């Protein structure tokens, strides 16, 4: 059974991804921290942002699925390793542009 059910959306996919990715203060804090400080591990991010590692990992996973962050190890090869995450500035710009165009009616 799915975690939640989402009705079909009339939004372009990149707009929907932008809203989902930028929609929480925590996700925005992660993106800003990575942009300012460079590649960082989930545990360090959690400590810096005042949360637990599992919360940071869940948010990083969603940002990774949106293409906004990348990890230095593939998803299936992370167990027992310190994995660092970095922003993908081009994807960030792309999603921001899609959201801006949508909101301005372009």
PDB file of N, CA and C in Angstrom:
ATOM      1  N   UNK A   1       0.840  -1.175   0.000  1.00  0.00           N
ATOM      2  CA  UNK A   1       0.000   0.000   0.000  1.00  0.00           C
ATOM      3  C   UNK A   1       0.887   1.242   0.000  1.00  0.00           C
ATOM      4  N   UNK A   2       0.560   2.232  -0.841  1.00  0.00           N
ATOM      5  CA  UNK A   2       1.395   3.427  -0.899  1.00  0.00           C
ATOM      6  C   UNK A   2       1.362   4.213   0.414  1.00  0.00           C
ATOM      7  N   UNK A   3       2.436   4.948   0.651  1.00  0.00           N
ATOM      8  CA  UNK A   3       2.535   5.768   1.844  1.00  0.00           C
ATOM      9  C   UNK A   3       1.435   6.821   1.873  1.00  0.00           C
ATOM     10  N   UNK A   4       1.149   7.406   0.751  1.00  0.00           N
ATOM     11  CA  UNK A   4       0.063   8.361   0.641  1.00  0.00           C
ATOM     12  C   UNK A   4      -0.423   8.351  -0.796  1.00  0.00           C
ATOM     13  N   UNK A   5      -1.616   8.810  -0.992  1.00  0.00           N
ATOM     14  CA  UNK A   5      -2.195   8.835  -2.333  1.00  0.00           C
ATOM     15  C   UNK A   5      -2.254  10.284  -2.783  1.00  0.00           C
ATOM     16  N   UNK A   6      -1.787  10.509  -3.999  1.00  0.00           N
ATOM     17  CA  UNK A   6      -1.756  11.853  -4.544  1.00  0.00           C
ATOM     18  C   UNK A   6      -2.676  11.892  -5.766  1.00  0.00           C
ATOM     19  N   UNK A   7      -3.581  12.857  -5.789  1.00  0.00           N
ATOM     20  CA  UNK A   7      -4.431  12.975  -6.971  1.00  0.00           C
ATOM     21  C   UNK A   7      -3.601  13.392  -8.177  1.00  0.00           C
ATOM     22  N   UNK A   8      -4.064  13.084  -9.362  1.00  0.00           N
ATOM     23  CA  UNK A   8      -3.329  13.503 -10.561  1.00  0.00           C
ATOM     24  C   UNK A   8      -3.140  15.015 -10.544  1.00  0.00           C
ATOM     25  N   UNK A   9      -1.979  15.449 -11.012  1.00  0.00           N
ATOM     26  CA  UNK A   9      -1.649  16.861 -10.984  1.00  0.00           C
ATOM     27  C   UNK A   9      -1.603  17.420 -12.391  1.00  0.00           C
ATOM     28  N   UNK A  10      -2.069  18.647 -12.507  1.00  0.00           N
ATOM     29  CA  UNK A  10      -1.987  19.335 -13.787  1.00  0.00           C
ATOM     30  C   UNK A  10      -0.688  20.133 -13.889  1.00  0.00           C
ATOM     31  N   UNK A  11       0.113  20.091 -12.833  1.00  0.00           N
ATOM     32  CA  UNK A  11       1.375  20.820 -12.830  1.00  0.00           C
ATOM     33  C   UNK A  11       2.421  20.112 -13.679  1.00  0.00           C
ATOM     34  N   UNK A  12       3.277  20.869 -14.359  1.00  0.00           N
ATOM     35  CA  UNK A  12       4.425  20.249 -15.029  1.00  0.00           C
ATOM     36  C   UNK A  12       5.284  19.532 -13.974  1.00  0.00           C
ATOM     37  N   UNK A  13       5.903  18.445 -14.364  1.00  0.00           N
ATOM     38  CA  UNK A  13       6.657  17.613 -13.413  1.00  0.00           C
ATOM     39  C   UNK A  13       7.736  18.408 -12.669  1.00  0.00           C
ATOM     40  N   UNK A  14       8.493  19.248 -13.353  1.00  0.00           N
ATOM     41  CA  UNK A  14       9.541  20.013 -12.678  1.00  0.00           C
ATOM     42  C   UNK A  14       8.958  21.009 -11.671  1.00  0.00           C
ATOM     43  N   UNK A  15       7.792  21.559 -11.968  1.00  0.00           N
ATOM     44  CA  UNK A  15       7.142  22.469 -11.019  1.00  0.00           C
ATOM     45  C   UNK A  15       6.725  21.694  -9.783  1.00  0.00           C
ATOM     46  N   UNK A  16       6.138  20.543  -9.990  1.00  0.00           N
ATOM     47  CA  UNK A  16       5.735  19.692  -8.870  1.00  0.00           C
ATOM     48  C   UNK A  16       6.946  19.301  -8.022  1.00  0.00           C
ATOM     49  N   UNK A  17       8.042  18.922  -8.677  1.00  0.00           N
ATOM     50  CA  UNK A  17       9.263  18.555  -7.944  1.00  0.00           C
ATOM     51  C   UNK A  17       9.826  19.745  -7.180  1.00  0.00           C
ATOM     52  N   UNK A  18       9.757  20.933  -7.765  1.00  0.00           N
ATOM     53  CA  UNK A  18      10.245  22.132  -7.080  1.00  0.00           C
ATOM     54  C   UNK A  18       9.423  22.393  -5.822  1.00  0.00           C
ATOM     55  N   UNK A  19       8.120  22.305  -5.932  1.00  0.00           N
ATOM     56  CA  UNK A  19       7.253  22.539  -4.781  1.00  0.00           C
ATOM     57  C   UNK A  19       7.531  21.516  -3.688  1.00  0.00           C
ATOM     58  N   UNK A  20       7.667  20.257  -4.063  1.00  0.00           N
ATOM     59  CA  UNK A  20       7.964  19.215  -3.079  1.00  0.00           C
ATOM     60  C   UNK A  20       9.340  19.429  -2.451  1.00  0.00           C
ATOM     61  N   UNK A  21      10.325  19.766  -3.263  1.00  0.00           N
ATOM     62  CA  UNK A  21      11.703  19.880  -2.784  1.00  0.00           C
ATOM     63  C   UNK A  21      11.954  21.129  -1.964  1.00  0.00           C
ATOM     64  N   UNK A  22      11.341  22.228  -2.341  1.00  0.00           N
ATOM     65  CA  UNK A  22      11.578  23.492  -1.644  1.00  0.00           C
ATOM     66  C   UNK A  22      10.495  23.787  -0.619  1.00  0.00           C
ATOM     67  N   UNK A  23       9.563  22.857  -0.454  1.00  0.00           N
ATOM     68  CA  UNK A  23       8.386  23.104   0.369  1.00  0.00           C
ATOM     69  C   UNK A  23       8.580  23.012   1.867  1.00  0.00           C
ATOM     70  N   UNK A  24       9.699  22.485   2.326  1.00  0.00           N
ATOM     71  CA  UNK A  24       9.904  22.416   3.773  1.00  0.00           C
ATOM     72  C   UNK A  24      11.126  23.242   4.153  1.00  0.00           C
ATOM     73  N   UNK A  25      11.048  23.813   5.339  1.00  0.00           N
ATOM     74  CA  UNK A  25      12.182  24.597   5.827  1.00  0.00           C
ATOM     75  C   UNK A  25      13.427  23.722   5.954  1.00  0.00           C
ATOM     76  N   UNK A  26      13.232  22.456   6.321  1.00  0.00           N
ATOM     77  CA  UNK A  26      14.376  21.569   6.508  1.00  0.00           C
ATOM     78  C   UNK A  26      15.078  21.278   5.187  1.00  0.00           C
ATOM     79  N   UNK A  27      14.315  21.002   4.139  1.00  0.00           N
ATOM     80  CA  UNK A  27      14.924  20.763   2.830  1.00  0.00           C
ATOM     81  C   UNK A  27      15.666  21.995   2.343  1.00  0.00           C
ATOM     82  N   UNK A  28      15.065  23.151   2.537  1.00  0.00           N
ATOM     83  CA  UNK A  28      15.736  24.394   2.136  1.00  0.00           C
ATOM     84  C   UNK A  28      17.008  24.598   2.950  1.00  0.00           C
ATOM     85  N   UNK A  29      16.963  24.261   4.239  1.00  0.00           N
ATOM     86  CA  UNK A  29      18.155  24.398   5.086  1.00  0.00           C
ATOM     87  C   UNK A  29      19.267  23.460   4.626  1.00  0.00           C
ATOM     88  N   UNK A  30      18.899  22.249   4.240  1.00  0.00           N
ATOM     89  CA  UNK A  30      19.900  21.296   3.736  1.00  0.00           C
ATOM     90  C   UNK A  30      20.553  21.846   2.469  1.00  0.00           C
ATOM     91  N   UNK A  31      19.732  22.290   1.520  1.00  0.00           N
ATOM     92  CA  UNK A  31      20.280  22.807   0.265  1.00  0.00           C
ATOM     93  C   UNK A  31      21.178  24.014   0.504  1.00  0.00           C
ATOM     94  N   UNK A  32      20.760  24.898   1.382  1.00  0.00           N
ATOM     95  CA  UNK A  32      21.581  26.072   1.682  1.00  0.00           C
ATOM     96  C   UNK A  32      22.893  25.675   2.357  1.00  0.00           C
ATOM     97  N   UNK A  33      22.807  24.762   3.320  1.00  0.00           N
ATOM     98  CA  UNK A  33      24.017  24.327   4.024  1.00  0.00           C
ATOM     99  C   UNK A  33      25.007  23.693   3.045  1.00  0.00           C
ATOM    100  N   UNK A  34      24.522  22.800   2.200  1.00  0.00           N
ATOM    101  CA  UNK A  34      25.404  22.147   1.230  1.00  0.00           C
ATOM    102  C   UNK A  34      25.977  23.157   0.241  1.00  0.00           C
ATOM    103  N   UNK A  35      25.183  24.134  -0.150  1.00  0.00           N
ATOM    104  CA  UNK A  35      25.667  25.152  -1.081  1.00  0.00           C
ATOM    105  C   UNK A  35      26.759  26.008  -0.450  1.00  0.00           C
ATOM    106  N   UNK A  36      26.589  26.338   0.821  1.00  0.00           N
ATOM    107  CA  UNK A  36      27.555  27.197   1.503  1.00  0.00           C
ATOM    108  C   UNK A  36      28.799  26.450   1.971  1.00  0.00           C
ATOM    109  N   UNK A  37      28.628  25.193   2.416  1.00  0.00           N
ATOM    110  CA  UNK A  37      29.714  24.480   3.082  1.00  0.00           C
ATOM    111  C   UNK A  37      30.276  23.303   2.286  1.00  0.00           C
ATOM    112  N   UNK A  38      29.672  22.988   1.165  1.00  0.00           N
ATOM    113  CA  UNK A  38      30.173  21.886   0.351  1.00  0.00           C
ATOM    114  C   UNK A  38      29.703  20.532   0.836  1.00  0.00           C
ATOM    115  N   UNK A  39      30.229  19.482   0.231  1.00  0.00           N
ATOM    116  CA  UNK A  39      29.798  18.117   0.553  1.00  0.00           C
ATOM    117  C   UNK A  39      29.864  17.830   2.052  1.00  0.00           C
ATOM    118  N   UNK A  40      28.779  17.231   2.543  1.00  0.00           N
ATOM    119  CA  UNK A  40      28.632  16.961   3.967  1.00  0.00           C
ATOM    120  C   UNK A  40      27.887  15.644   4.145  1.00  0.00           C
ATOM    121  N   UNK A  41      28.226  14.911   5.192  1.00  0.00           N
ATOM    122  CA  UNK A  41      27.533  13.672   5.518  1.00  0.00           C
ATOM    123  C   UNK A  41      26.230  13.928   6.250  1.00  0.00           C
ATOM    124  N   UNK A  42      25.342  12.933   6.251  1.00  0.00           N
ATOM    125  CA  UNK A  42      24.027  13.065   6.881  1.00  0.00           C
ATOM    126  C   UNK A  42      24.140  13.345   8.376  1.00  0.00           C
ATOM    127  N   UNK A  43      25.046  12.660   9.073  1.00  0.00           N
ATOM    128  CA  UNK A  43      25.181  12.861  10.516  1.00  0.00           C
ATOM    129  C   UNK A  43      25.646  14.283  10.825  1.00  0.00           C
ATOM    130  N   UNK A  44      26.596  14.794  10.042  1.00  0.00           N
ATOM    131  CA  UNK A  44      27.063  16.161  10.253  1.00  0.00           C
ATOM    132  C   UNK A  44      25.966  17.173   9.935  1.00  0.00           C
ATOM    133  N   UNK A  45      25.210  16.921   8.857  1.00  0.00           N
ATOM    134  CA  UNK A  45      24.089  17.797   8.525  1.00  0.00           C
ATOM    135  C   UNK A  45      23.076  17.820   9.663  1.00  0.00           C
ATOM    136  N   UNK A  46      22.745  16.639  10.170  1.00  0.00           N
ATOM    137  CA  UNK A  46      21.777  16.549  11.258  1.00  0.00           C
ATOM    138  C   UNK A  46      22.243  17.359  12.462  1.00  0.00           C
ATOM    139  N   UNK A  47      23.492  17.199  12.815  1.00  0.00           N
ATOM    140  CA  UNK A  47      24.040  17.932  13.957  1.00  0.00           C
ATOM    141  C   UNK A  47      24.000  19.440  13.706  1.00  0.00           C
ATOM    142  N   UNK A  48      24.432  19.865  12.536  1.00  0.00           N
ATOM    143  CA  UNK A  48      24.461  21.292  12.206  1.00  0.00           C
ATOM    144  C   UNK A  48      23.061  21.908  12.163  1.00  0.00           C
ATOM    145  N   UNK A  49      22.074  21.105  11.725  1.00  0.00           N
ATOM    146  CA  UNK A  49      20.723  21.635  11.549  1.00  0.00           C
ATOM    147  C   UNK A  49      19.789  21.287  12.705  1.00  0.00           C
ATOM    148  N   UNK A  50      20.327  20.622  13.720  1.00  0.00           N
ATOM    149  CA  UNK A  50      19.553  20.373  14.933  1.00  0.00           C
ATOM    150  C   UNK A  50      18.486  19.308  14.830  1.00  0.00           C
ATOM    151  N   UNK A  51      18.792  18.211  14.146  1.00  0.00           N
ATOM    152  CA  UNK A  51      17.837  17.104  14.047  1.00  0.00           C
ATOM    153  C   UNK A  51      18.588  15.796  14.180  1.00  0.00           C
ATOM    154  N   UNK A  52      17.888  14.686  13.993  1.00  0.00           N
ATOM    155  CA  UNK A  52      18.552  13.385  14.069  1.00  0.00           C
ATOM    156  C   UNK A  52      18.964  12.911  12.670  1.00  0.00           C
ATOM    157  N   UNK A  53      19.865  11.954  12.644  1.00  0.00           N
ATOM    158  CA  UNK A  53      20.425  11.467  11.366  1.00  0.00           C
ATOM    159  C   UNK A  53      19.375  10.848  10.461  1.00  0.00           C
ATOM    160  N   UNK A  54      18.407  10.131  11.032  1.00  0.00           N
ATOM    161  CA  UNK A  54      17.376   9.502  10.198  1.00  0.00           C
ATOM    162  C   UNK A  54      16.531  10.545   9.478  1.00  0.00           C
ATOM    163  N   UNK A  55      16.204  11.621  10.159  1.00  0.00           N
ATOM    164  CA  UNK A  55      15.443  12.702   9.520  1.00  0.00           C
ATOM    165  C   UNK A  55      16.257  13.308   8.388  1.00  0.00           C
ATOM    166  N   UNK A  56      17.524  13.537   8.632  1.00  0.00           N
ATOM    167  CA  UNK A  56      18.392  14.093   7.586  1.00  0.00           C
ATOM    168  C   UNK A  56      18.490  13.134   6.403  1.00  0.00           C
ATOM    169  N   UNK A  57      18.641  11.841   6.672  1.00  0.00           N
ATOM    170  CA  UNK A  57      18.750  10.859   5.575  1.00  0.00           C
ATOM    171  C   UNK A  57      17.478  10.815   4.734  1.00  0.00           C
ATOM    172  N   UNK A  58      16.312  10.868   5.380  1.00  0.00           N
ATOM    173  CA  UNK A  58      15.047  10.858   4.626  1.00  0.00           C
ATOM    174  C   UNK A  58      14.953  12.089   3.720  1.00  0.00           C
ATOM    175  N   UNK A  59      15.287  13.246   4.253  1.00  0.00           N
ATOM    176  CA  UNK A  59      15.229  14.466   3.448  1.00  0.00           C
ATOM    177  C   UNK A  59      16.250  14.411   2.313  1.00  0.00           C
ATOM    178  N   UNK A  60      17.447  13.927   2.598  1.00  0.00           N
ATOM    179  CA  UNK A  60      18.476  13.797   1.562  1.00  0.00           C
ATOM    180  C   UNK A  60      18.042  12.828   0.471  1.00  0.00           C
ATOM    181  N   UNK A  61      17.385  11.748   0.853  1.00  0.00           N
ATOM    182  CA  UNK A  61      16.899  10.776  -0.135  1.00  0.00           C
ATOM    183  C   UNK A  61      15.904  11.445  -1.084  1.00  0.00           C
ATOM    184  N   UNK A  62      14.974  12.243  -0.541  1.00  0.00           N
ATOM    185  CA  UNK A  62      13.997  12.940  -1.385  1.00  0.00           C
ATOM    186  C   UNK A  62      14.685  13.955  -2.295  1.00  0.00           C
ATOM    187  N   UNK A  63      15.656  14.681  -1.761  1.00  0.00           N
ATOM    188  CA  UNK A  63      16.394  15.648  -2.579  1.00  0.00           C
ATOM    189  C   UNK A  63      17.232  14.948  -3.643  1.00  0.00           C
ATOM    190  N   UNK A  64      17.734  13.788  -3.311  1.00  0.00           N
ATOM    191  CA  UNK A  64      18.508  13.005  -4.283  1.00  0.00           C
ATOM    192  C   UNK A  64      17.592  12.506  -5.401  1.00  0.00           C
ATOM    193  N   UNK A  65      16.396  12.060  -5.055  1.00  0.00           N
ATOM    194  CA  UNK A  65      15.436  11.600  -6.070  1.00  0.00           C
ATOM    195  C   UNK A  65      15.038  12.728  -7.015  1.00  0.00           C
ATOM    196  N   UNK A  66      15.017  13.953  -6.506  1.00  0.00           N
ATOM    197  CA  UNK A  66      14.693  15.117  -7.335  1.00  0.00           C
ATOM    198  C   UNK A  66      15.893  15.591  -8.149  1.00  0.00           C
ATOM    199  N   UNK A  67      17.057  14.991  -7.906  1.00  0.00           N
ATOM    200  CA  UNK A  67      18.266  15.380  -8.626  1.00  0.00           C
ATOM    201  C   UNK A  67      18.949  16.616  -8.067  1.00  0.00           C
ATOM    202  N   UNK A  68      18.516  17.068  -6.888  1.00  0.00           N
ATOM    203  CA  UNK A  68      19.078  18.280  -6.298  1.00  0.00           C
ATOM    204  C   UNK A  68      20.353  18.037  -5.517  1.00  0.00           C
ATOM    205  N   UNK A  69      20.562  16.819  -5.061  1.00  0.00           N
ATOM    206  CA  UNK A  69      21.819  16.449  -4.403  1.00  0.00           C
ATOM    207  C   UNK A  69      22.289  15.113  -4.972  1.00  0.00           C
ATOM    208  N   UNK A  70      23.587  14.893  -4.896  1.00  0.00           N
ATOM    209  CA  UNK A  70      24.165  13.613  -5.259  1.00  0.00           C
ATOM    210  C   UNK A  70      25.033  13.136  -4.102  1.00  0.00           C
ATOM    211  N   UNK A  71      25.205  11.828  -4.052  1.00  0.00           N
ATOM    212  CA  UNK A  71      26.025  11.212  -3.011  1.00  0.00           C
ATOM    213  C   UNK A  71      27.296  10.676  -3.636  1.00  0.00           C
ATOM    214  N   UNK A  72      28.324  10.524  -2.809  1.00  0.00           N
ATOM    215  CA  UNK A  72      29.591  10.007  -3.322  1.00  0.00           C
ATOM    216  C   UNK A  72      29.619   8.484  -3.382  1.00  0.00           C
ATOM    217  N   UNK A  73      28.493   7.842  -3.052  1.00  0.00           N
ATOM    218  CA  UNK A  73      28.378   6.384  -3.155  1.00  0.00           C
ATOM    219  C   UNK A  73      26.973   6.045  -3.641  1.00  0.00           C
ATOM    220  N   UNK A  74      26.845   5.044  -4.511  1.00  0.00           N
ATOM    221  CA  UNK A  74      25.523   4.639  -4.987  1.00  0.00           C
ATOM    222  C   UNK A  74      24.650   4.148  -3.837  1.00  0.00           C
ATOM    223  N   UNK A  75      23.346   4.291  -3.993  1.00  0.00           N
ATOM    224  CA  UNK A  75      22.393   3.948  -2.932  1.00  0.00           C
ATOM    225  C   UNK A  75      22.586   2.532  -2.382  1.00  0.00           C
ATOM    226  N   UNK A  76      22.836   1.579  -3.210  1.00  0.00           N
ATOM    227  CA  UNK A  76      22.973   0.201  -2.752  1.00  0.00           C
ATOM    228  C   UNK A  76      24.307  -0.130  -2.098  1.00  0.00           C
ATOM    229  N   UNK A  77      25.224   0.812  -2.064  1.00  0.00           N
ATOM    230  CA  UNK A  77      26.569   0.553  -1.534  1.00  0.00           C
ATOM    231  C   UNK A  77      26.935   1.487  -0.383  1.00  0.00           C
ATOM    232  N   UNK A  78      25.947   1.919   0.385  1.00  0.00           N
ATOM    233  CA  UNK A  78      26.196   2.906   1.435  1.00  0.00           C
ATOM    234  C   UNK A  78      26.299   2.322   2.837  1.00  0.00           C
ATOM    235  N   UNK A  79      25.850   1.123   3.037  1.00  0.00           N
ATOM    236  CA  UNK A  79      25.822   0.550   4.383  1.00  0.00           C
ATOM    237  C   UNK A  79      27.228   0.499   4.982  1.00  0.00           C
ATOM    238  N   UNK A  80      27.343   1.058   6.192  1.00  0.00           N
ATOM    239  CA  UNK A  80      28.613   1.035   6.880  1.00  0.00           C
ATOM    240  C   UNK A  80      29.618   2.081   6.416  1.00  0.00           C
ATOM    241  N   UNK A  81      29.203   2.985   5.569  1.00  0.00           N
ATOM    242  CA  UNK A  81      30.100   4.018   5.046  1.00  0.00           C
ATOM    243  C   UNK A  81      29.615   5.396   5.454  1.00  0.00           C
ATOM    244  N   UNK A  82      30.536   6.311   5.541  1.00  0.00           N
ATOM    245  CA  UNK A  82      30.165   7.715   5.664  1.00  0.00           C
ATOM    246  C   UNK A  82      29.976   8.222   4.243  1.00  0.00           C
ATOM    247  N   UNK A  83      28.770   8.656   3.949  1.00  0.00           N
ATOM    248  CA  UNK A  83      28.430   9.130   2.607  1.00  0.00           C
ATOM    249  C   UNK A  83      28.278  10.638   2.667  1.00  0.00           C
ATOM    250  N   UNK A  84      28.911  11.317   1.728  1.00  0.00           N
ATOM    251  CA  UNK A  84      28.753  12.765   1.678  1.00  0.00           C
ATOM    252  C   UNK A  84      27.845  13.138   0.513  1.00  0.00           C
ATOM    253  N   UNK A  85      27.120  14.212   0.729  1.00  0.00           N
ATOM    254  CA  UNK A  85      26.150  14.705  -0.247  1.00  0.00           C
ATOM    255  C   UNK A  85      26.556  16.095  -0.691  1.00  0.00           C
ATOM    256  N   UNK A  86      26.292  16.385  -1.967  1.00  0.00           N
ATOM    257  CA  UNK A  86      26.612  17.693  -2.538  1.00  0.00           C
ATOM    258  C   UNK A  86      25.425  18.169  -3.372  1.00  0.00           C
ATOM    259  N   UNK A  87      25.265  19.481  -3.449  1.00  0.00           N
ATOM    260  CA  UNK A  87      24.185  20.031  -4.268  1.00  0.00           C
ATOM    261  C   UNK A  87      24.534  19.904  -5.749  1.00  0.00           C
ATOM    262  N   UNK A  88      23.501  19.949  -6.550  1.00  0.00           N
ATOM    263  CA  UNK A  88      23.627  19.977  -7.997  1.00  0.00           C
ATOM    264  C   UNK A  88      23.090  21.331  -8.459  1.00  0.00           C
ATOM    265  N   UNK A  89      23.959  22.340  -8.532  1.00  0.00           N
ATOM    266  CA  UNK A  89      23.499  23.709  -8.811  1.00  0.00           C
ATOM    267  C   UNK A  89      22.692  23.849 -10.105  1.00  0.00           C
ATOM    268  N   UNK A  90      23.050  23.103 -11.140  1.00  0.00           N
ATOM    269  CA  UNK A  90      22.320  23.212 -12.409  1.00  0.00           C
ATOM    270  C   UNK A  90      20.881  22.751 -12.240  1.00  0.00           C
ATOM    271  N   UNK A  91      20.681  21.667 -11.503  1.00  0.00           N
ATOM    272  CA  UNK A  91      19.320  21.160 -11.269  1.00  0.00           C
ATOM    273  C   UNK A  91      18.546  22.126 -10.375  1.00  0.00           C
ATOM    274  N   UNK A  92      19.214  22.677  -9.393  1.00  0.00           N
ATOM    275  CA  UNK A  92      18.581  23.662  -8.521  1.00  0.00           C
ATOM    276  C   UNK A  92      18.096  24.854  -9.343  1.00  0.00           C
ATOM    277  N   UNK A  93      18.953  25.367 -10.202  1.00  0.00           N
ATOM    278  CA  UNK A  93      18.575  26.483 -11.081  1.00  0.00           C
ATOM    279  C   UNK A  93      17.413  26.100 -11.995  1.00  0.00           C
ATOM    280  N   UNK A  94      17.454  24.885 -12.518  1.00  0.00           N
ATOM    281  CA  UNK A  94      16.412  24.417 -13.428  1.00  0.00           C
ATOM    282  C   UNK A  94      15.049  24.354 -12.740  1.00  0.00           C
ATOM    283  N   UNK A  95      15.010  23.791 -11.532  1.00  0.00           N
ATOM    284  CA  UNK A  95      13.737  23.699 -10.817  1.00  0.00           C
ATOM    285  C   UNK A  95      13.245  25.075 -10.386  1.00  0.00           C
ATOM    286  N   UNK A  96      14.153  25.931  -9.961  1.00  0.00           N
ATOM    287  CA  UNK A  96      13.758  27.298  -9.598  1.00  0.00           C
ATOM    288  C   UNK A  96      13.186  28.038 -10.811  1.00  0.00           C
ATOM    289  N   UNK A  97      13.811  27.861 -11.967  1.00  0.00           N
ATOM    290  CA  UNK A  97      13.330  28.516 -13.189  1.00  0.00           C
ATOM    291  C   UNK A  97      11.951  27.986 -13.582  1.00  0.00           C
ATOM    292  N   UNK A  98      11.757  26.679 -13.461  1.00  0.00           N
ATOM    293  CA  UNK A  98      10.455  26.088 -13.794  1.00  0.00           C
ATOM    294  C   UNK A  98       9.366  26.626 -12.872  1.00  0.00           C
ATOM    295  N   UNK A  99       9.673  26.715 -11.586  1.00  0.00           N
ATOM    296  CA  UNK A  99       8.698  27.246 -10.629  1.00  0.00           C
ATOM    297  C   UNK A  99       8.416  28.722 -10.906  1.00  0.00           C
ATOM    298  N   UNK A 100       9.463  29.489 -11.164  1.00  0.00           N
ATOM    299  CA  UNK A 100       9.294  30.921 -11.469  1.00  0.00           C
ATOM    300  C   UNK A 100       8.430  31.107 -12.706  1.00  0.00           C
ATOM    301  N   UNK A 101       8.747  30.379 -13.774  1.00  0.00           N
ATOM    302  CA  UNK A 101       7.958  30.499 -15.015  1.00  0.00           C
ATOM    303  C   UNK A 101       6.501  30.137 -14.778  1.00  0.00           C
ATOM    304  N   UNK A 102       6.266  29.095 -14.022  1.00  0.00           N
ATOM    305  CA  UNK A 102       4.898  28.669 -13.731  1.00  0.00           C
ATOM    306  C   UNK A 102       4.148  29.763 -12.948  1.00  0.00           C
ATOM    307  N   UNK A 103       4.795  30.286 -11.898  1.00  0.00           N
ATOM    308  CA  UNK A 103       4.138  31.294 -11.070  1.00  0.00           C
ATOM    309  C   UNK A 103       3.891  32.588 -11.811  1.00  0.00           C
ATOM    310  N   UNK A 104       4.765  32.918 -12.768  1.00  0.00           N
ATOM    311  CA  UNK A 104       4.591  34.136 -13.562  1.00  0.00           C
ATOM    312  C   UNK A 104       3.699  33.932 -14.785  1.00  0.00           C
ATOM    313  N   UNK A 105       3.256  32.691 -14.980  1.00  0.00           N
ATOM    314  CA  UNK A 105       2.347  32.412 -16.082  1.00  0.00           C
ATOM    315  C   UNK A 105       2.995  32.308 -17.445  1.00  0.00           C
ATOM    316  N   UNK A 106       4.278  32.003 -17.457  1.00  0.00           N
ATOM    317  CA  UNK A 106       4.999  31.867 -18.748  1.00  0.00           C
ATOM    318  C   UNK A 106       4.877  30.456 -19.290  1.00  0.00           C
TER     319      UNK A 106
END
